[in-house]
Amino acid sequence: MAEALYRKWRPGTLSELVGQNHVAQTLQQAVLTDRVSHAYMFCGPRGTGKTSTARILAKAVNCLSPRDGEPDDTCHMCLAVNEGRAIDMIEIDAASNRRIADIRDLTEKIHYGPAEGKFKVYIIDEVHMLTPEAFNALLKTLEEPPPHAILILATTDVHKVPLTIISRCQRFDFRRIPSKDIVEKLRKLSVEEAVEVEDEALMLVARKSTGSLRDAENILEQVIVSSEPPVTELDVRQLLNLTDESLPADLLDLIADNQVKNSLVRLGQMIEGGKEPTQIHSSLIEITRVLILLKTNASDGSELGDALKERLQNIADKFSMERLIYIAKTMSDVNFRDVLTPALPLEIAILESIMSQQNTESTQKKSRETNMGSAANKKSEEQIFEGSPVNTEQKPKLAKPISEKQTKDTISPPPVVSVTETNSQSEPSELGTNEVSLQTNAGSDSIDEHWNELLRSLRQTGKRFNLGALLRGCKERKIKDDTLVLTFLHSSHLERVNSEIEDPLVNGQFESVVENVLGKKYKISVELANNEMKSVRGPISQQSHLVRAAQSLGARIVEERSKT
């Protein structure tokens, strides 16, 4: 039986480890200076060399003629470890020996001295699979093992290991291996195996292994067996059933040009060609990520090849960074579960990616037309109220609030504008304050015209942002001075909205979204319809930035007192 490549070419010395120089140098120095610890914790992703490093360390501490902290890999102690017959190296699979009885057996036998070497080395693989009782049984032995024993714990999920265990070990974090290091290793391996493999194929294998050298060696072995030399990139794609990256690139190019019909037709052709929607979805996400990296100059795209790199660079120039981020988020939210037509979620995501850009362009066009009309009527817009100058630096996107007199004299046909004075008897200082309702007819530039856009923006803000749904029950919206007043029919609905905006973070997000949509910063106020309750401006925490900042740091309001 042929030996698997990852076993046949397992590293035999610390210098042969790939992509883990920080671990190799530290352990080599520890062996060289005779400062080997009694317990080690090796943690990191699969296929990065944790078990191989543990075996190398076991050889190094028992080698008969070590050289510069490295095992010579030729003495009978090293050969015994390589061949799996070393008596003083005990490997335990914690996934199948996870009970307290298994650990008790270890703690009893660990006190027996080594048979041949200087140290008895215990390697416990996948140690996170031990039961809590087994971990407790291991604690004392791990903290104070016999002087002839070394324990090496390896795991891919270090967060499942109790801190009491980790604190008793020297911890080494193994990193994902860079693609260029994997390609170099695979190239040497293919030369030793006398198999011709193209560099593009090696690069694709390295990318699909996601930093795991063992996975890369397994993929290479499969493609060597299934293909005739020389092994090409197409052979790897056919073996892994991967989508040609030029196809999702073409699809993104059509999305960039806002071609709805052609985008859906191209998607249908890819599916009819035998590609699964999930595969196309993964390729779209990967290509979108590459476009973002190219747009930010975070990557040169050299790993994709010169032809594809140049094409993706041209596609990236068609997108704005904001749109690429939106497409990436939209594609990431695609869910294929419980769907009768697998292509439907992907088709919807493509339509959303195109329609969002069309809506943005429509809004920008409307804004330009509004600005042109505002410039033509600049003289008539000098004042919001009679005798009140306009701050041109904070000019909102909404139509200017106007007085009743101006409504009658200068606008035809007149919009439906409600003008009332508030608290004229009880608060003389506010006699000049007018409340202007912005519920105008559908043809005017009012808050109602921006209401759906505001709700949509709120639904896309934050992970648990509920205001977008709650505000659908709002009966009336109006601007009063610098406050956006929202009117509700039921007190329970009002209290629910109030409970949301009492959170400083939510209130800040709400005000930010309102400012982005309406073009001016407004405070938020809620009230009941038919004057059943006065406008609720929220607690003091929403009126003082100092109190709001303290709340964000964890402070809690104990008592609120009104000024007298």
Protein backbone atom coordinates (compact mmCIF):
# COMPACT_ATOMS: atom_id res chain seq x y z
CA MET A 1 0.00 0.00 0.00
CA ALA A 2 1.33 3.44 -0.93
CA GLU A 3 1.99 5.78 1.98
CA ALA A 4 0.06 9.05 2.02
CA LEU A 5 2.11 12.08 1.02
CA TYR A 6 1.43 13.97 4.24
CA ARG A 7 2.80 11.02 6.24
CA LYS A 8 5.66 10.27 3.89
CA TRP A 9 6.91 13.88 3.89
CA ARG A 10 6.17 14.72 7.53
CA PRO A 11 8.93 17.08 8.82
CA GLY A 12 11.62 15.30 10.83
CA THR A 13 13.42 18.28 12.37
CA LEU A 14 12.42 21.72 13.64
CA SER A 15 14.11 23.41 10.69
CA GLU A 16 11.81 21.50 8.31
CA LEU A 17 8.63 22.96 9.83
CA VAL A 18 6.77 25.14 7.31
CA GLY A 19 5.47 28.54 8.35
CA GLN A 20 6.08 28.09 12.12
CA ASN A 21 9.47 29.74 12.61
CA HIS A 22 8.45 31.33 15.92
CA VAL A 23 7.73 27.87 17.39
CA ALA A 24 10.79 26.16 15.90
CA GLN A 25 13.26 28.78 17.15
CA THR A 26 11.88 28.77 20.70
CA LEU A 27 11.88 24.98 21.07
CA GLN A 28 15.30 24.67 19.48
CA GLN A 29 16.72 27.15 21.96
CA ALA A 30 15.01 25.35 24.86
CA VAL A 31 16.58 22.01 23.89
CA LEU A 32 19.97 23.63 23.28
CA THR A 33 20.06 25.30 26.72
CA ASP A 34 18.46 22.34 28.52
CA ARG A 35 15.45 24.42 29.60
CA VAL A 36 12.67 22.18 28.33
CA SER A 37 9.38 22.74 30.16
CA HIS A 38 7.38 19.97 31.84
CA ALA A 39 4.18 20.81 29.86
CA TYR A 40 3.37 22.40 26.50
CA MET A 41 0.14 23.49 24.85
CA PHE A 42 0.16 23.44 21.03
CA CYS A 43 -2.96 25.09 19.58
CA GLY A 44 -3.93 26.22 16.10
CA PRO A 45 -5.83 25.26 12.91
CA ARG A 46 -5.70 21.75 11.48
CA GLY A 47 -2.77 20.71 9.35
CA THR A 48 -0.33 23.34 10.64
CA GLY A 49 2.17 20.94 12.28
CA LYS A 50 1.13 20.57 15.93
CA THR A 51 1.49 16.78 16.20
CA SER A 52 4.60 16.76 14.00
CA THR A 53 6.23 19.35 16.27
CA ALA A 54 5.36 17.29 19.34
CA ARG A 55 7.05 14.23 17.81
CA ILE A 56 10.12 16.27 16.84
CA LEU A 57 10.38 17.57 20.40
CA ALA A 58 10.12 13.99 21.70
CA LYS A 59 13.01 13.01 19.43
CA ALA A 60 15.08 16.06 20.39
CA VAL A 61 14.93 15.48 24.16
CA ASN A 62 15.90 11.79 23.80
CA CYS A 63 18.28 12.02 20.83
CA LEU A 64 21.65 10.38 21.48
CA SER A 65 23.58 13.00 19.50
CA PRO A 66 21.57 16.24 19.10
CA ARG A 67 22.99 19.03 16.99
CA ASP A 68 22.25 22.69 17.79
CA GLY A 69 19.01 21.79 19.56
CA GLU A 70 17.90 19.54 16.69
CA PRO A 71 17.58 15.74 16.63
CA ASP A 72 20.04 14.06 14.26
CA ASP A 73 17.16 11.92 12.92
CA THR A 74 19.54 8.98 12.43
CA CYS A 75 20.07 7.41 15.88
CA HIS A 76 17.92 4.47 16.96
CA MET A 77 15.90 6.69 19.34
CA CYS A 78 14.94 9.03 16.47
CA LEU A 79 14.24 6.15 14.12
CA ALA A 80 11.99 4.52 16.73
CA VAL A 81 9.90 7.68 16.93
CA ASN A 82 9.73 7.97 13.12
CA GLU A 83 8.61 4.35 12.80
CA GLY A 84 6.05 4.60 15.62
CA ARG A 85 7.68 2.03 17.92
CA ALA A 86 9.21 4.31 20.56
CA ILE A 87 8.42 2.98 24.04
CA ASP A 88 9.04 6.31 25.76
CA MET A 89 6.70 8.30 23.51
CA ILE A 90 3.04 7.67 24.33
CA GLU A 91 0.38 9.22 22.06
CA ILE A 92 -3.17 9.47 23.42
CA ASP A 93 -6.20 10.38 21.31
CA ALA A 94 -8.37 12.39 23.68
CA ALA A 95 -11.33 12.14 21.30
CA SER A 96 -11.67 8.42 22.05
CA ASN A 97 -9.98 8.32 25.47
CA ARG A 98 -11.79 11.20 27.10
CA ARG A 99 -13.12 9.66 30.31
CA ILE A 100 -11.78 10.16 33.80
CA ALA A 101 -10.73 6.49 33.91
CA ASP A 102 -8.39 7.04 30.94
CA ILE A 103 -6.71 10.00 32.62
CA ARG A 104 -6.40 8.10 35.92
CA ASP A 105 -4.60 5.37 34.03
CA LEU A 106 -2.19 7.99 32.66
CA THR A 107 -1.54 9.54 36.08
CA GLU A 108 -0.76 6.12 37.54
CA LYS A 109 1.66 5.02 34.79
CA ILE A 110 3.42 8.37 34.43
CA HIS A 111 5.43 7.72 37.59
CA TYR A 112 7.23 4.77 35.99
CA GLY A 113 10.60 5.82 34.58
CA PRO A 114 11.48 5.78 30.86
CA ALA A 115 12.62 2.47 29.37
CA GLU A 116 15.34 3.74 27.00
CA GLY A 117 15.57 7.48 26.76
CA LYS A 118 16.04 10.31 29.19
CA PHE A 119 12.41 11.45 29.19
CA LYS A 120 9.01 9.85 28.86
CA VAL A 121 6.92 12.07 26.55
CA TYR A 122 3.10 12.01 26.60
CA ILE A 123 1.33 13.57 23.57
CA ILE A 124 -2.40 14.12 24.15
CA ASP A 125 -4.01 15.04 20.82
CA GLU A 126 -7.36 16.91 20.61
CA VAL A 127 -7.18 17.52 24.35
CA HIS A 128 -10.27 19.77 24.25
CA MET A 129 -12.40 16.60 23.91
CA LEU A 130 -11.70 15.52 27.51
CA THR A 131 -14.61 15.64 29.93
CA PRO A 132 -14.57 18.21 32.78
CA GLU A 133 -13.93 15.40 35.26
CA ALA A 134 -10.95 14.20 33.19
CA PHE A 135 -9.52 17.70 33.10
CA ASN A 136 -9.79 17.91 36.89
CA ALA A 137 -8.01 14.56 37.24
CA LEU A 138 -5.19 15.85 35.01
CA LEU A 139 -4.64 19.11 36.90
CA LYS A 140 -2.30 17.98 39.68
CA THR A 141 -0.21 15.70 37.46
CA LEU A 142 0.08 18.45 34.87
CA GLU A 143 1.26 20.97 37.45
CA GLU A 144 3.83 18.71 39.14
CA PRO A 145 4.73 15.76 36.91
CA PRO A 146 7.67 13.48 37.69
CA PRO A 147 11.05 14.92 36.58
CA HIS A 148 11.33 12.32 33.82
CA ALA A 149 7.94 13.16 32.21
CA ILE A 150 6.98 15.79 29.61
CA LEU A 151 3.35 16.36 28.62
CA ILE A 152 2.43 17.92 25.26
CA LEU A 153 -1.23 18.86 24.74
CA ALA A 154 -2.44 19.59 21.19
CA THR A 155 -5.81 21.09 20.25
CA THR A 156 -7.62 22.88 17.46
CA ASP A 157 -10.14 24.50 19.87
CA VAL A 158 -8.13 26.03 22.67
CA HIS A 159 -11.14 28.04 23.89
CA LYS A 160 -12.70 24.73 25.06
CA VAL A 161 -9.73 23.97 27.29
CA PRO A 162 -10.09 25.20 30.91
CA LEU A 163 -7.87 28.10 31.86
CA THR A 164 -6.57 26.08 34.79
CA ILE A 165 -5.05 23.67 32.26
CA ILE A 166 -3.66 26.38 29.95
CA SER A 167 -2.02 28.26 32.82
CA ARG A 168 0.05 25.20 33.71
CA CYS A 169 1.56 24.90 30.20
CA GLN A 170 3.80 26.85 27.89
CA ARG A 171 1.45 27.85 25.10
CA PHE A 172 2.42 27.97 21.41
CA ASP A 173 -0.07 29.26 18.83
CA PHE A 174 0.42 27.71 15.39
CA ARG A 175 -0.50 30.00 12.49
CA ARG A 176 -2.13 29.27 9.18
CA ILE A 177 0.64 28.66 6.66
CA PRO A 178 1.01 31.36 3.95
CA SER A 179 0.18 30.27 0.40
CA LYS A 180 3.67 31.01 -0.89
CA ASP A 181 5.21 28.67 1.72
CA ILE A 182 2.73 25.93 0.82
CA VAL A 183 3.52 26.35 -2.89
CA GLU A 184 7.25 26.08 -2.20
CA LYS A 185 6.73 22.91 -0.14
CA LEU A 186 4.46 21.35 -2.80
CA ARG A 187 6.96 22.17 -5.52
CA LYS A 188 9.73 20.35 -3.65
CA LEU A 189 7.39 17.44 -2.98
CA SER A 190 6.40 17.13 -6.66
CA VAL A 191 10.07 17.12 -7.66
CA GLU A 192 10.82 14.34 -5.18
CA GLU A 193 7.82 12.37 -6.47
CA ALA A 194 8.95 12.96 -10.08
CA VAL A 195 5.60 14.47 -11.08
CA GLU A 196 5.34 17.58 -13.27
CA VAL A 197 2.84 20.10 -11.87
CA GLU A 198 2.22 23.59 -13.24
CA ASP A 199 2.75 26.54 -10.89
CA GLU A 200 -0.84 27.74 -11.47
CA ALA A 201 -2.12 24.37 -10.26
CA LEU A 202 0.08 24.54 -7.15
CA MET A 203 -1.15 28.06 -6.42
CA LEU A 204 -4.79 26.98 -6.72
CA VAL A 205 -4.17 24.00 -4.41
CA ALA A 206 -2.52 26.31 -1.86
CA ARG A 207 -5.44 28.77 -1.95
CA LYS A 208 -8.06 26.05 -1.52
CA SER A 209 -6.20 24.48 1.41
CA THR A 210 -6.83 27.66 3.49
CA GLY A 211 -3.49 27.54 5.27
CA SER A 212 -3.43 23.78 6.01
CA LEU A 213 -0.37 22.03 4.59
CA ARG A 214 -1.89 18.59 5.21
CA ASP A 215 -4.99 19.51 3.18
CA ALA A 216 -2.78 20.84 0.38
CA GLU A 217 -0.75 17.62 0.27
CA ASN A 218 -3.92 15.53 0.19
CA ILE A 219 -5.37 17.58 -2.69
CA LEU A 220 -2.12 17.31 -4.61
CA GLU A 221 -2.02 13.55 -4.11
CA GLN A 222 -5.59 13.22 -5.41
CA VAL A 223 -4.90 15.28 -8.50
CA ILE A 224 -1.68 13.36 -9.22
CA VAL A 225 -3.58 10.08 -9.09
CA SER A 226 -6.53 11.28 -11.19
CA SER A 227 -4.67 13.23 -13.89
CA GLU A 228 -2.03 12.60 -16.49
CA PRO A 229 1.16 14.65 -16.17
CA PRO A 230 1.69 17.50 -16.45
CA VAL A 231 -0.94 18.47 -13.87
CA THR A 232 -2.70 21.71 -14.87
CA GLU A 233 -4.95 24.19 -13.12
CA LEU A 234 -7.91 22.79 -15.05
CA ASP A 235 -7.23 19.34 -13.59
CA VAL A 236 -7.41 20.78 -10.07
CA ARG A 237 -10.65 22.63 -10.85
CA GLN A 238 -12.26 19.51 -12.27
CA LEU A 239 -11.18 17.45 -9.27
CA LEU A 240 -12.53 19.96 -6.74
CA ASN A 241 -15.52 20.88 -8.92
CA LEU A 242 -14.55 24.54 -8.76
CA THR A 243 -16.08 27.32 -10.84
CA ASP A 244 -13.83 29.02 -13.36
CA GLU A 245 -13.03 32.37 -11.71
CA SER A 246 -13.53 34.21 -15.00
CA LEU A 247 -17.26 33.32 -14.88
CA PRO A 248 -18.10 35.06 -11.57
CA ALA A 249 -15.85 37.90 -12.72
CA ASP A 250 -18.03 38.26 -15.85
CA LEU A 251 -21.13 38.22 -13.64
CA LEU A 252 -19.76 40.99 -11.40
CA ASP A 253 -18.86 42.98 -14.52
CA LEU A 254 -22.52 42.83 -15.59
CA ILE A 255 -23.61 43.86 -12.08
CA ALA A 256 -21.25 46.84 -12.28
CA ASP A 257 -22.97 47.93 -15.50
CA ASN A 258 -26.45 47.48 -13.88
CA GLN A 259 -27.52 44.95 -16.52
CA VAL A 260 -30.37 43.09 -14.84
CA LYS A 261 -31.38 40.84 -17.73
CA ASN A 262 -27.87 39.85 -18.80
CA SER A 263 -26.84 39.16 -15.18
CA LEU A 264 -29.70 36.71 -14.63
CA VAL A 265 -29.10 35.10 -18.04
CA ARG A 266 -25.41 34.60 -17.25
CA LEU A 267 -26.29 33.10 -13.87
CA GLY A 268 -28.71 30.70 -15.56
CA GLN A 269 -26.05 29.66 -18.07
CA MET A 270 -23.59 28.90 -15.26
CA ILE A 271 -26.17 26.72 -13.49
CA GLU A 272 -27.12 24.92 -16.71
CA GLY A 273 -23.41 24.28 -17.25
CA GLY A 274 -23.39 22.09 -14.14
CA LYS A 275 -22.35 24.56 -11.44
CA GLU A 276 -24.25 24.50 -8.17
CA PRO A 277 -25.67 27.83 -6.92
CA THR A 278 -23.72 27.36 -3.69
CA GLN A 279 -20.47 27.08 -5.65
CA ILE A 280 -21.27 30.20 -7.68
CA HIS A 281 -22.17 31.98 -4.45
CA SER A 282 -18.82 31.09 -2.85
CA SER A 283 -16.94 32.21 -5.96
CA LEU A 284 -18.81 35.54 -6.03
CA ILE A 285 -17.92 36.21 -2.40
CA GLU A 286 -14.27 35.34 -3.03
CA ILE A 287 -14.03 37.52 -6.14
CA THR A 288 -15.78 40.40 -4.35
CA ARG A 289 -13.21 40.12 -1.57
CA VAL A 290 -10.41 40.27 -4.14
CA LEU A 291 -11.99 43.38 -5.69
CA ILE A 292 -12.05 45.07 -2.28
CA LEU A 293 -8.39 44.19 -1.72
CA LEU A 294 -7.48 45.53 -5.16
CA LYS A 295 -9.51 48.68 -4.58
CA THR A 296 -7.70 49.39 -1.32
CA ASN A 297 -4.28 48.30 -2.67
CA ALA A 298 -4.16 45.72 0.13
CA SER A 299 -3.24 43.05 -2.41
CA ASP A 300 -1.79 43.05 -5.91
CA GLY A 301 -3.76 39.95 -6.98
CA SER A 302 -0.64 38.20 -8.21
CA GLU A 303 -1.89 34.85 -6.91
CA LEU A 304 -4.71 34.95 -9.49
CA GLY A 305 -2.48 35.12 -12.54
CA ASP A 306 -1.71 38.10 -14.80
CA ALA A 307 -4.74 37.76 -17.12
CA LEU A 308 -7.36 37.48 -14.37
CA LYS A 309 -5.59 40.10 -12.26
CA GLU A 310 -5.82 42.70 -15.07
CA ARG A 311 -9.49 41.88 -15.69
CA LEU A 312 -10.40 42.18 -12.02
CA GLN A 313 -8.56 45.48 -11.78
CA ASN A 314 -10.69 46.85 -14.63
CA ILE A 315 -13.86 45.60 -12.91
CA ALA A 316 -12.79 47.11 -9.57
CA ASP A 317 -12.46 50.52 -11.24
CA LYS A 318 -16.19 50.41 -12.09
CA PHE A 319 -17.24 50.01 -8.45
CA SER A 320 -17.12 52.42 -5.55
CA MET A 321 -15.85 51.07 -2.25
CA GLU A 322 -19.28 51.59 -0.65
CA ARG A 323 -20.99 49.52 -3.34
CA LEU A 324 -18.45 46.70 -3.08
CA ILE A 325 -19.01 46.54 0.67
CA TYR A 326 -22.79 46.50 0.13
CA ILE A 327 -22.49 43.66 -2.42
CA ALA A 328 -20.23 41.69 -0.06
CA LYS A 329 -22.76 42.05 2.78
CA THR A 330 -25.67 41.16 0.49
CA MET A 331 -23.93 38.03 -0.78
CA SER A 332 -22.92 37.01 2.74
CA ASP A 333 -26.58 37.12 3.84
CA VAL A 334 -27.69 34.62 1.17
CA ASN A 335 -29.29 31.56 2.77
CA PHE A 336 -29.97 28.44 0.71
CA ARG A 337 -31.75 26.52 3.46
CA ASP A 338 -35.40 25.50 3.04
CA VAL A 339 -35.56 26.89 -0.52
CA LEU A 340 -37.35 24.91 -3.24
CA THR A 341 -35.51 26.73 -6.03
CA PRO A 342 -31.80 26.85 -5.10
CA ALA A 343 -31.04 29.66 -7.56
CA LEU A 344 -33.67 32.03 -6.12
CA PRO A 345 -31.67 33.43 -3.14
CA LEU A 346 -28.71 34.14 -5.43
CA GLU A 347 -30.94 35.80 -8.04
CA ILE A 348 -32.47 38.02 -5.36
CA ALA A 349 -28.99 39.00 -4.10
CA ILE A 350 -27.93 39.95 -7.65
CA LEU A 351 -31.09 42.03 -8.12
CA GLU A 352 -30.53 43.80 -4.80
CA SER A 353 -26.93 44.57 -5.78
CA ILE A 354 -28.14 46.21 -9.00
CA MET A 355 -31.31 47.91 -7.73
CA SER A 356 -29.50 49.54 -4.81
CA GLN A 357 -27.19 51.31 -7.26
CA GLN A 358 -30.11 52.40 -9.44
CA ASN A 359 -31.90 53.81 -6.38
CA THR A 360 -28.74 55.67 -5.38
CA GLU A 361 -28.36 57.17 -8.85
CA SER A 362 -32.05 58.17 -8.87
CA THR A 363 -31.71 59.86 -5.49
CA GLN A 364 -28.59 61.72 -6.61
CA LYS A 365 -30.32 62.86 -9.81
CA LYS A 366 -33.31 64.11 -7.84
CA SER A 367 -31.02 65.89 -5.39
CA ARG A 368 -29.25 67.65 -8.26
CA GLU A 369 -32.58 68.75 -9.74
CA THR A 370 -33.70 70.01 -6.35
CA ASN A 371 -30.49 71.96 -5.89
CA MET A 372 -30.88 73.53 -9.34
CA GLY A 373 -34.44 74.56 -8.51
CA SER A 374 -33.30 75.92 -5.16
CA ALA A 375 -30.64 78.04 -6.86
CA ALA A 376 -33.23 79.49 -9.23
CA ASN A 377 -35.50 80.43 -6.32
CA LYS A 378 -32.74 81.44 -3.92
CA LYS A 379 -34.25 84.84 -3.28
CA SER A 380 -37.61 83.40 -2.23
CA GLU A 381 -35.89 81.00 0.16
CA GLU A 382 -33.99 83.64 2.14
CA GLN A 383 -36.10 83.01 5.27
CA ILE A 384 -37.70 79.97 6.89
CA PHE A 385 -40.01 82.09 9.02
CA GLU A 386 -40.72 85.76 8.59
CA GLY A 387 -37.69 87.64 9.90
CA SER A 388 -35.66 84.42 10.50
CA PRO A 389 -32.52 84.03 8.30
CA VAL A 390 -31.52 80.70 6.80
CA ASN A 391 -28.26 79.01 7.76
CA THR A 392 -27.00 78.09 4.30
CA GLU A 393 -24.27 75.83 5.69
CA GLN A 394 -26.88 73.52 7.24
CA LYS A 395 -29.32 73.62 4.39
CA PRO A 396 -31.49 70.46 4.59
CA LYS A 397 -32.59 68.35 1.69
CA LEU A 398 -36.24 68.81 2.74
CA ALA A 399 -38.38 71.69 1.58
CA LYS A 400 -37.95 74.81 3.72
CA PRO A 401 -40.58 75.32 6.45
CA ILE A 402 -42.67 78.31 5.38
CA SER A 403 -45.08 80.66 7.08
CA GLU A 404 -48.79 80.77 6.42
CA LYS A 405 -48.47 84.08 4.65
CA GLN A 406 -45.78 82.82 2.29
CA THR A 407 -47.91 79.73 1.62
CA LYS A 408 -50.75 81.89 0.40
CA ASP A 409 -48.69 84.42 -1.55
CA THR A 410 -45.82 82.59 -3.23
CA ILE A 411 -46.77 78.94 -3.78
CA SER A 412 -49.25 77.68 -6.35
CA PRO A 413 -50.87 75.27 -6.04
CA PRO A 414 -50.60 75.62 -2.26
CA PRO A 415 -49.44 72.56 -0.31
CA VAL A 416 -51.38 71.28 2.64
CA VAL A 417 -49.50 72.95 5.50
CA SER A 418 -50.71 73.05 9.09
CA VAL A 419 -49.41 76.04 11.08
CA THR A 420 -50.09 76.28 14.82
CA GLU A 421 -48.56 78.13 17.72
CA THR A 422 -47.49 76.12 20.75
CA ASN A 423 -47.85 77.10 24.40
CA SER A 424 -48.51 80.74 23.56
CA GLN A 425 -50.18 81.37 26.91
CA SER A 426 -48.16 79.23 29.30
CA GLU A 427 -44.73 79.96 27.80
CA PRO A 428 -44.46 83.55 26.55
CA SER A 429 -40.81 83.01 25.56
CA GLU A 430 -41.94 80.68 22.77
CA LEU A 431 -44.49 82.98 21.14
CA GLY A 432 -42.43 83.11 17.98
CA THR A 433 -42.15 79.34 17.64
CA ASN A 434 -44.27 77.82 14.91
CA GLU A 435 -45.00 74.14 14.38
CA VAL A 436 -44.99 73.24 10.71
CA SER A 437 -46.34 69.89 9.61
CA LEU A 438 -44.43 68.34 6.73
CA GLN A 439 -47.25 66.08 5.62
CA THR A 440 -47.59 67.80 2.27
CA ASN A 441 -48.95 66.44 -0.95
CA ALA A 442 -47.07 63.67 -2.74
CA GLY A 443 -45.53 66.08 -5.25
CA SER A 444 -43.57 68.18 -2.73
CA ASP A 445 -40.17 67.54 -1.25
CA SER A 446 -41.32 66.49 2.24
CA ILE A 447 -40.44 64.08 5.01
CA ASP A 448 -43.12 61.69 3.73
CA GLU A 449 -41.23 61.38 0.46
CA HIS A 450 -38.12 60.37 2.42
CA TRP A 451 -39.97 58.19 4.96
CA ASN A 452 -39.47 54.85 3.18
CA GLU A 453 -35.80 55.67 2.62
CA LEU A 454 -35.46 56.47 6.33
CA LEU A 455 -37.08 53.16 7.35
CA ARG A 456 -34.87 51.22 4.95
CA SER A 457 -31.74 52.89 6.32
CA LEU A 458 -32.81 52.11 9.89
CA ARG A 459 -33.30 48.42 9.07
CA GLN A 460 -29.72 48.28 7.75
CA THR A 461 -28.23 49.92 10.85
CA GLY A 462 -26.99 47.78 13.76
CA LYS A 463 -27.49 44.07 14.42
CA ARG A 464 -30.50 44.43 16.75
CA PHE A 465 -31.96 47.69 15.49
CA ASN A 466 -35.77 47.47 15.86
CA LEU A 467 -36.75 51.06 15.13
CA GLY A 468 -37.18 50.40 11.42
CA ALA A 469 -40.07 48.04 12.22
CA LEU A 470 -41.50 50.07 15.13
CA LEU A 471 -41.70 53.30 13.15
CA ARG A 472 -44.02 51.71 10.60
CA GLY A 473 -46.79 52.35 13.12
CA CYS A 474 -46.08 56.08 13.21
CA LYS A 475 -49.24 58.03 12.36
CA GLU A 476 -47.72 61.45 11.67
CA ARG A 477 -44.28 62.95 11.18
CA LYS A 478 -43.49 66.64 11.50
CA ILE A 479 -40.63 69.05 12.14
CA LYS A 480 -40.84 71.41 15.09
CA ASP A 481 -37.84 73.73 15.33
CA ASP A 482 -34.84 71.34 15.40
CA THR A 483 -36.90 68.34 16.53
CA LEU A 484 -38.41 65.52 14.53
CA VAL A 485 -41.75 64.77 16.23
CA LEU A 486 -43.23 61.30 15.73
CA THR A 487 -46.90 60.75 16.64
CA PHE A 488 -48.35 57.33 17.60
CA LEU A 489 -51.91 56.16 18.25
CA HIS A 490 -51.27 53.86 21.22
CA SER A 491 -49.34 54.49 24.43
CA SER A 492 -47.88 50.97 24.38
CA HIS A 493 -46.36 51.64 20.97
CA LEU A 494 -44.95 54.94 22.20
CA GLU A 495 -43.42 53.33 25.28
CA ARG A 496 -41.80 50.64 23.11
CA VAL A 497 -40.16 53.28 20.90
CA ASN A 498 -39.07 55.23 23.98
CA SER A 499 -37.44 52.14 25.48
CA GLU A 500 -35.38 51.78 22.29
CA ILE A 501 -34.15 55.39 22.04
CA GLU A 502 -33.25 55.49 25.75
CA ASP A 503 -30.19 53.48 24.75
CA PRO A 504 -27.50 56.10 23.94
CA LEU A 505 -26.07 53.94 21.15
CA VAL A 506 -29.45 53.41 19.48
CA ASN A 507 -30.38 57.08 19.87
CA GLY A 508 -27.09 58.15 18.32
CA GLN A 509 -27.58 55.79 15.39
CA PHE A 510 -31.15 57.02 14.94
CA GLU A 511 -30.07 60.68 14.84
CA SER A 512 -27.24 59.85 12.45
CA VAL A 513 -29.58 58.06 10.02
CA VAL A 514 -32.07 60.94 10.19
CA GLU A 515 -29.27 63.42 9.44
CA ASN A 516 -28.05 61.37 6.48
CA VAL A 517 -31.54 61.06 4.97
CA LEU A 518 -32.99 64.51 5.74
CA GLY A 519 -29.77 66.49 5.36
CA LYS A 520 -29.96 68.15 8.79
CA LYS A 521 -29.42 67.03 12.38
CA TYR A 522 -32.67 66.75 14.35
CA LYS A 523 -33.46 65.70 17.90
CA ILE A 524 -36.01 62.91 18.24
CA SER A 525 -39.30 63.34 20.10
CA VAL A 526 -42.35 61.05 20.32
CA GLU A 527 -45.94 61.85 21.36
CA LEU A 528 -49.45 60.41 21.41
CA ALA A 529 -52.13 61.43 18.95
CA ASN A 530 -55.11 63.68 19.93
CA ASN A 531 -52.97 65.48 22.55
CA GLU A 532 -53.35 62.58 24.98
CA MET A 533 -49.78 63.05 26.17
CA LYS A 534 -47.23 65.78 25.86
CA SER A 535 -44.25 65.22 23.68
CA VAL A 536 -41.87 62.85 25.40
CA ARG A 537 -38.36 64.10 24.77
CA GLY A 538 -36.78 61.12 26.49
CA PRO A 539 -34.94 61.06 29.81
CA ILE A 540 -32.12 63.37 30.85
CA SER A 541 -29.68 60.85 29.38
CA GLN A 542 -30.84 61.99 25.90
CA GLN A 543 -30.49 65.70 26.73
CA SER A 544 -27.01 65.74 28.25
CA HIS A 545 -24.03 64.45 26.32
CA LEU A 546 -22.15 63.96 29.61
CA VAL A 547 -24.82 61.67 31.03
CA ARG A 548 -25.06 59.87 27.70
CA ALA A 549 -21.30 59.27 27.69
CA ALA A 550 -21.43 57.97 31.27
CA GLN A 551 -24.21 55.54 30.30
CA SER A 552 -22.15 54.21 27.43
CA LEU A 553 -19.40 53.40 29.95
CA GLY A 554 -21.80 51.37 32.10
CA ALA A 555 -23.24 54.03 34.42
CA ARG A 556 -26.85 53.72 35.60
CA ILE A 557 -29.30 56.55 36.37
CA VAL A 558 -30.57 56.21 39.94
CA GLU A 559 -32.81 59.28 40.11
CA GLU A 560 -33.88 62.11 37.79
CA ARG A 561 -34.93 65.50 39.09
CA SER A 562 -36.53 68.26 37.08
CA LYS A 563 -35.33 71.85 37.38
CA THR A 564 -37.58 74.19 39.37
